[in-house]
């Protein structure tokens, strides 16, 4: 019997000077090719089915290398491995991204040696704040409120044809740069999308020139279906980030279509002094708007600016007024919106 093809999929992760976190997955499959805007819809549909029908390597053993240090990890039943890397020497504070090598130790593979590079972010000393952003209907137009439209967009589009909201890249680049243009404020992405869509999301963000950042997605399955629908799983990585970076205030960005306003309001109650601002993109109707506005008023009563915005220009004006981005960056976002629309 011939040996299988094995692929390591490392996920962008995060850390601090003294320790890094590494997460990834080991699969029995070849990586999908990059998407093209000319790809027919049947090909997009087939690739999405392949992503969802992943074949995990349960119990795979990987070796993780950073500098002169080595660690080993064992994948769980669904192929995931997660490891905390305590470092003998702190990382270079001037570097934002660090390269960690991941190598397959077992099982044997047809394409041996199997190895991949994991990118790990550590916020630089220049960072004044961090951003946590939702993806679907916040960055990526997903039409989550309509099951049919969401299905069509997800399964028949690809990373080259799916649409971002106008001006969102210019807004996030401005947040990354900050007032001084060299702050390099880290941006983290949290979503209810499954980890199976990770490669699609990376390709989409690179095409749209969104700042690279660690992602926290969701592991689907019947037992986790309720958690995916309630979106409460998003709270765990946000709390983890708040704990990991106690010196940084956080800007939370989401949309009104699902539960982001409620989840962010819960975080305000827990950590009012840690939240610098909350932005909610308005993608819903008037009844939902009233709920979001009431939550915004409650957040402001606790000292946290929270606003429902219609577009990226209003979002830029809001964060500029708070001193998070320079006033001239608003015009850059406005120009990007005009060009992209």
Protein backbone atom coordinates (compact mmCIF):
# COMPACT_ATOMS: atom_id res chain seq x y z
CA UNK A 1 0.00 0.00 0.00
CA UNK A 2 1.39 3.40 -0.95
CA UNK A 3 2.07 6.02 1.70
CA UNK A 4 -0.42 8.90 2.06
CA UNK A 5 0.22 12.56 1.28
CA UNK A 6 0.42 14.59 4.50
CA UNK A 7 0.19 18.39 4.89
CA UNK A 8 0.90 20.57 7.93
CA UNK A 9 -1.31 23.68 8.09
CA UNK A 10 0.21 26.12 10.62
CA UNK A 11 -2.02 28.96 11.78
CA UNK A 12 -0.81 32.50 12.44
CA UNK A 13 -0.50 32.81 16.19
CA UNK A 14 0.74 35.17 18.88
CA UNK A 15 3.00 35.45 21.89
CA UNK A 16 5.05 37.66 24.19
CA UNK A 17 8.80 38.16 24.55
CA UNK A 18 9.28 35.11 26.81
CA UNK A 19 6.88 32.64 25.21
CA UNK A 20 5.15 31.92 21.92
CA UNK A 21 2.00 29.95 21.12
CA UNK A 22 1.87 27.66 18.09
CA UNK A 23 -1.25 26.08 16.62
CA UNK A 24 -1.85 24.08 13.47
CA UNK A 25 -3.39 21.01 11.94
CA UNK A 26 -2.13 17.89 10.19
CA UNK A 27 -4.18 16.60 7.25
CA UNK A 28 -4.14 13.74 4.75
CA UNK A 29 -4.40 15.97 1.72
CA UNK A 30 -2.62 18.22 -0.75
CA UNK A 31 -2.98 22.00 -0.37
CA UNK A 32 -5.52 23.63 -2.66
CA UNK A 33 -4.09 25.84 -5.43
CA UNK A 34 -4.48 29.63 -5.21
CA UNK A 35 -7.84 30.88 -6.47
CA UNK A 36 -8.35 32.87 -9.64
CA UNK A 37 -11.06 35.40 -10.46
CA UNK A 38 -11.65 33.37 -13.63
CA UNK A 39 -12.36 30.11 -11.77
CA UNK A 40 -15.81 28.67 -12.68
CA UNK A 41 -18.35 28.36 -9.90
CA UNK A 42 -18.25 24.56 -10.03
CA UNK A 43 -14.55 24.70 -9.19
CA UNK A 44 -15.17 27.07 -6.27
CA UNK A 45 -17.91 24.75 -5.01
CA UNK A 46 -15.65 21.70 -5.31
CA UNK A 47 -12.83 23.42 -3.41
CA UNK A 48 -15.17 24.43 -0.58
CA UNK A 49 -16.40 20.84 -0.31
CA UNK A 50 -12.80 19.66 -0.14
CA UNK A 51 -12.11 22.10 2.67
CA UNK A 52 -15.11 20.88 4.66
CA UNK A 53 -14.35 17.22 3.96
CA UNK A 54 -10.86 17.38 5.44
CA UNK A 55 -9.16 14.15 6.49
CA UNK A 56 -7.35 14.68 9.78
CA UNK A 57 -4.24 12.85 10.93
CA UNK A 58 -5.18 11.78 14.43
CA UNK A 59 -2.18 11.41 16.77
CA UNK A 60 0.30 12.93 14.33
CA UNK A 61 3.60 13.84 15.98
CA UNK A 62 5.29 17.11 15.07
CA UNK A 63 8.58 18.71 16.05
CA UNK A 64 8.60 22.47 16.58
CA UNK A 65 11.81 24.46 16.19
CA UNK A 66 12.61 28.06 17.14
CA UNK A 67 16.22 29.16 17.28
CA UNK A 68 18.17 26.45 19.10
CA UNK A 69 15.14 25.11 20.97
CA UNK A 70 12.96 22.14 20.05
CA UNK A 71 9.64 20.86 21.29
CA UNK A 72 7.30 18.04 20.31
CA UNK A 73 3.51 17.97 20.14
CA UNK A 74 0.90 15.31 19.39
CA UNK A 75 -2.19 16.16 17.35
CA UNK A 76 -5.61 15.41 18.81
CA UNK A 77 -8.31 13.27 17.20
CA UNK A 78 -9.11 16.04 14.70
CA UNK A 79 -5.51 16.71 13.73
CA UNK A 80 -5.01 19.90 15.77
CA UNK A 81 -1.86 20.60 17.75
CA UNK A 82 -1.39 23.51 20.15
CA UNK A 83 1.75 24.21 22.15
CA UNK A 84 3.13 26.93 24.39
CA UNK A 85 6.82 27.55 23.75
CA UNK A 86 8.72 28.89 26.79
CA UNK A 87 11.82 30.64 25.44
CA UNK A 88 15.34 30.48 26.85
CA UNK A 89 15.99 33.97 25.44
CA UNK A 90 13.37 36.69 24.81
CA UNK A 91 12.57 37.45 21.19
CA UNK A 92 13.94 40.54 19.49
CA UNK A 93 11.51 43.33 20.54
CA UNK A 94 12.06 45.13 17.23
CA UNK A 95 10.52 42.25 15.28
CA UNK A 96 6.77 41.82 15.04
CA UNK A 97 6.63 38.43 13.29
CA UNK A 98 8.74 35.41 14.21
CA UNK A 99 9.34 32.25 12.18
CA UNK A 100 8.73 28.87 13.83
CA UNK A 101 9.39 25.65 11.89
CA UNK A 102 7.02 22.70 12.24
CA UNK A 103 8.16 19.27 11.01
CA UNK A 104 6.29 15.99 10.80
CA UNK A 105 7.81 13.20 12.90
CA UNK A 106 5.10 10.61 12.25
CA UNK A 107 3.33 8.99 10.50
CA UNK A 108 5.33 8.30 7.36
CA UNK A 109 4.28 10.34 4.35
CA UNK A 110 4.68 10.04 0.61
CA UNK A 111 5.92 13.65 0.43
CA UNK A 112 8.48 13.39 3.26
CA UNK A 113 10.05 15.46 4.68
CA UNK A 114 6.88 17.35 5.61
CA UNK A 115 7.50 20.77 7.14
CA UNK A 116 5.93 24.23 7.26
CA UNK A 117 6.54 27.69 8.66
CA UNK A 118 4.34 29.06 11.44
CA UNK A 119 4.18 32.85 11.81
CA UNK A 120 3.91 34.15 15.39
CA UNK A 121 3.21 37.78 16.26
CA UNK A 122 4.51 39.66 19.30
CA UNK A 123 3.38 43.29 19.72
CA UNK A 124 6.32 45.71 19.57
CA UNK A 125 6.99 48.27 22.34
CA UNK A 126 5.67 50.96 19.96
CA UNK A 127 2.12 49.51 20.01
CA UNK A 128 -0.39 51.75 21.85
CA UNK A 129 -3.41 49.46 21.52
CA UNK A 130 -4.58 46.21 19.94
CA UNK A 131 -7.55 45.52 17.67
CA UNK A 132 -9.84 42.50 17.76
CA UNK A 133 -12.05 42.23 14.70
CA UNK A 134 -14.80 39.94 13.53
CA UNK A 135 -14.56 38.84 9.88
CA UNK A 136 -17.94 37.89 8.38
CA UNK A 137 -20.05 40.97 7.61
CA UNK A 138 -17.43 43.13 9.36
CA UNK A 139 -14.62 42.80 6.81
CA UNK A 140 -15.97 40.25 4.35
CA UNK A 141 -19.44 40.68 2.84
CA UNK A 142 -21.05 37.38 3.89
CA UNK A 143 -24.80 38.16 4.08
CA UNK A 144 -25.03 36.07 7.24
CA UNK A 145 -28.58 37.30 7.90
CA UNK A 146 -29.77 35.47 4.76
CA UNK A 147 -29.07 31.74 4.72
CA UNK A 148 -29.46 31.49 0.93
CA UNK A 149 -27.29 34.52 0.10
CA UNK A 150 -24.65 33.38 2.59
CA UNK A 151 -24.57 29.88 1.09
CA UNK A 152 -24.20 31.22 -2.46
CA UNK A 153 -21.43 33.65 -1.47
CA UNK A 154 -19.54 31.02 0.55
CA UNK A 155 -19.71 28.09 -1.85
CA UNK A 156 -19.71 29.72 -5.28
CA UNK A 157 -17.21 32.54 -4.72
CA UNK A 158 -13.53 32.38 -3.90
CA UNK A 159 -10.79 34.49 -2.31
CA UNK A 160 -10.34 36.50 -5.51
CA UNK A 161 -14.02 37.22 -6.13
CA UNK A 162 -15.49 37.70 -2.65
CA UNK A 163 -16.01 41.36 -1.74
CA UNK A 164 -14.71 43.28 1.27
CA UNK A 165 -16.58 46.30 2.58
CA UNK A 166 -15.37 49.45 0.83
CA UNK A 167 -12.53 51.20 2.64
CA UNK A 168 -12.05 48.49 5.26
CA UNK A 169 -8.42 47.84 4.27
CA UNK A 170 -7.53 51.54 4.46
CA UNK A 171 -9.21 51.74 7.90
CA UNK A 172 -7.36 48.71 9.27
CA UNK A 173 -4.04 49.88 7.83
CA UNK A 174 -4.56 53.21 9.58
CA UNK A 175 -5.27 51.41 12.87
CA UNK A 176 -2.14 49.28 12.36
CA UNK A 177 0.01 52.35 11.78
CA UNK A 178 -1.59 54.49 14.49
CA UNK A 179 -1.11 58.22 15.00
CA UNK A 180 2.66 58.12 14.59
CA UNK A 181 2.43 55.87 11.48
CA UNK A 182 4.95 53.44 13.01
CA UNK A 183 3.04 52.05 16.00
CA UNK A 184 2.34 48.62 14.46
CA UNK A 185 -0.71 48.05 16.65
CA UNK A 186 -1.52 44.32 16.39
CA UNK A 187 -4.79 43.19 14.80
CA UNK A 188 -6.39 39.88 15.77
CA UNK A 189 -9.26 38.29 13.83
CA UNK A 190 -12.03 36.28 15.51
CA UNK A 191 -14.74 34.47 13.56
CA UNK A 192 -17.37 31.76 13.67
CA UNK A 193 -16.03 30.41 10.37
CA UNK A 194 -14.48 26.93 10.63
CA UNK A 195 -10.72 26.37 10.67
CA UNK A 196 -11.26 24.55 7.35
CA UNK A 197 -11.63 28.01 5.73
CA UNK A 198 -8.31 29.30 7.07
CA UNK A 199 -6.44 29.21 3.75
CA UNK A 200 -9.32 30.99 2.01
CA UNK A 201 -9.37 33.77 4.62
CA UNK A 202 -5.58 34.27 4.46
CA UNK A 203 -5.71 34.51 0.67
CA UNK A 204 -8.67 36.92 0.81
CA UNK A 205 -6.95 39.21 3.33
CA UNK A 206 -3.71 39.25 1.38
CA UNK A 207 -5.56 40.14 -1.83
CA UNK A 208 -7.42 42.97 -0.05
CA UNK A 209 -4.19 44.19 1.63
CA UNK A 210 -5.57 43.84 5.13
CA UNK A 211 -2.92 43.77 7.88
CA UNK A 212 -1.84 40.23 8.70
CA UNK A 213 -2.83 39.01 12.12
CA UNK A 214 -3.46 35.87 14.17
CA UNK A 215 -6.85 34.25 13.59
CA UNK A 216 -9.19 32.48 15.97
CA UNK A 217 -11.73 30.40 14.09
CA UNK A 218 -14.12 27.65 15.17
CA UNK A 219 -14.03 23.86 15.12
CA UNK A 220 -17.32 22.65 13.68
CA UNK A 221 -19.18 19.47 14.52
CA UNK A 222 -22.56 18.40 15.87
CA UNK A 223 -21.45 18.84 19.47
CA UNK A 224 -20.22 22.36 18.73
CA UNK A 225 -23.13 23.45 16.55
CA UNK A 226 -24.95 25.28 19.34
CA UNK A 227 -21.79 27.16 20.29
CA UNK A 228 -21.31 28.21 16.68
CA UNK A 229 -24.86 29.56 16.49
CA UNK A 230 -24.58 31.48 19.75
CA UNK A 231 -21.09 32.78 18.84
CA UNK A 232 -20.08 32.63 22.50
CA UNK A 233 -16.93 30.74 21.52
CA UNK A 234 -15.56 34.13 20.40
CA UNK A 235 -15.26 35.22 24.03
CA UNK A 236 -12.59 32.66 24.91
CA UNK A 237 -9.82 33.97 22.59
CA UNK A 238 -10.68 37.59 23.41
CA UNK A 239 -10.31 36.92 27.13
CA UNK A 240 -7.08 35.06 26.40
CA UNK A 241 -5.72 38.09 24.54
CA UNK A 242 -6.79 40.48 27.31
CA UNK A 243 -4.92 38.30 29.80
CA UNK A 244 -1.85 37.95 27.58
CA UNK A 245 -1.44 41.68 26.94
CA UNK A 246 -2.48 43.43 30.20
CA UNK A 247 -0.65 46.63 29.19
CA UNK A 248 -2.64 47.17 25.98
CA UNK A 249 -6.13 48.66 25.62
CA UNK A 250 -8.29 46.95 23.00
CA UNK A 251 -10.46 48.23 20.15
CA UNK A 252 -13.28 45.77 19.36
CA UNK A 253 -14.83 45.74 15.87
CA UNK A 254 -17.85 43.72 14.81
CA UNK A 255 -21.21 43.95 13.07
CA UNK A 256 -24.84 44.23 14.08
CA UNK A 257 -26.00 41.17 12.16
CA UNK A 258 -25.21 38.55 14.77
CA UNK A 259 -24.14 38.70 18.44
CA UNK A 260 -21.03 40.91 18.39
CA UNK A 261 -22.70 43.85 20.23
CA UNK A 262 -23.95 41.57 23.03
CA UNK A 263 -20.61 39.77 23.36
CA UNK A 264 -18.62 42.99 23.38
CA UNK A 265 -21.01 44.48 25.95
CA UNK A 266 -20.33 41.49 28.18
CA UNK A 267 -16.60 42.19 27.89
CA UNK A 268 -17.20 45.82 28.82
CA UNK A 269 -18.88 44.66 32.04
CA UNK A 270 -15.91 42.41 32.80
CA UNK A 271 -13.07 44.73 31.71
CA UNK A 272 -14.32 48.32 31.29
CA UNK A 273 -10.85 49.80 31.70
CA UNK A 274 -9.33 47.53 29.06
CA UNK A 275 -11.67 48.44 26.17
CA UNK A 276 -10.67 51.63 24.33
CA UNK A 277 -13.55 51.64 21.85
CA UNK A 278 -16.17 49.45 20.16
CA UNK A 279 -17.16 49.77 16.51
CA UNK A 280 -20.25 47.99 15.17
CA UNK A 281 -20.83 47.95 11.41
CA UNK A 282 -24.55 48.36 10.71
CA UNK A 283 -25.75 45.50 8.51
CA UNK A 284 -29.22 44.99 10.01
CA UNK A 285 -32.66 46.59 10.18
CA UNK A 286 -34.18 49.19 12.48
CA UNK A 287 -35.32 46.78 15.20
CA UNK A 288 -31.80 45.45 15.58
CA UNK A 289 -30.41 48.99 15.42
CA UNK A 290 -32.37 49.94 18.53
CA UNK A 291 -30.86 47.01 20.43
CA UNK A 292 -27.33 47.99 19.38
CA UNK A 293 -27.93 51.64 20.28
CA UNK A 294 -29.17 50.66 23.74
CA UNK A 295 -26.04 48.55 24.26
CA UNK A 296 -23.91 51.45 23.05
CA UNK A 297 -25.50 53.75 25.61
CA UNK A 298 -24.82 51.23 28.37
CA UNK A 299 -21.18 50.92 27.29
CA UNK A 300 -20.74 54.70 27.25
CA UNK A 301 -22.17 54.85 30.78
CA UNK A 302 -19.27 52.60 31.80
CA UNK A 303 -16.78 54.90 30.09
CA UNK A 304 -16.33 52.87 26.88
CA UNK A 305 -17.07 54.67 23.56
CA UNK A 306 -19.26 52.41 21.41
CA UNK A 307 -20.86 53.38 18.12
CA UNK A 308 -22.89 51.84 15.33
CA UNK A 309 -21.44 53.00 11.99
CA UNK A 310 -22.86 52.83 8.49
CA UNK A 311 -19.54 52.55 6.64
CA UNK A 312 -15.76 52.69 6.91
CA UNK A 313 -15.71 56.51 6.73
CA UNK A 314 -17.87 56.85 9.83
CA UNK A 315 -15.67 54.27 11.54
CA UNK A 316 -12.53 56.24 10.65
CA UNK A 317 -14.05 59.49 11.90
CA UNK A 318 -14.94 57.80 15.20
CA UNK A 319 -11.48 56.37 15.93
CA UNK A 320 -9.78 59.57 14.73
CA UNK A 321 -11.85 61.58 17.22
CA UNK A 322 -10.59 59.20 19.93
CA UNK A 323 -6.97 59.84 18.91
CA UNK A 324 -6.34 56.30 17.65
CA UNK A 325 -5.54 57.32 14.06
CA UNK A 326 -4.46 60.71 12.63
CA UNK A 327 -7.14 63.04 11.29
CA UNK A 328 -5.63 62.90 7.79
CA UNK A 329 -6.18 59.14 7.68
CA UNK A 330 -9.93 59.76 7.48
CA UNK A 331 -9.52 61.31 4.05
CA UNK A 332 -7.51 58.27 2.96
CA UNK A 333 -10.38 55.99 4.00
CA UNK A 334 -12.91 58.27 2.28
CA UNK A 335 -10.88 58.15 -0.94
CA UNK A 336 -10.61 54.36 -0.75
CA UNK A 337 -14.38 54.06 -0.31
CA UNK A 338 -15.00 56.17 -3.41
CA UNK A 339 -12.54 54.14 -5.49
CA UNK A 340 -13.77 50.74 -4.32
CA UNK A 341 -17.47 51.50 -4.62
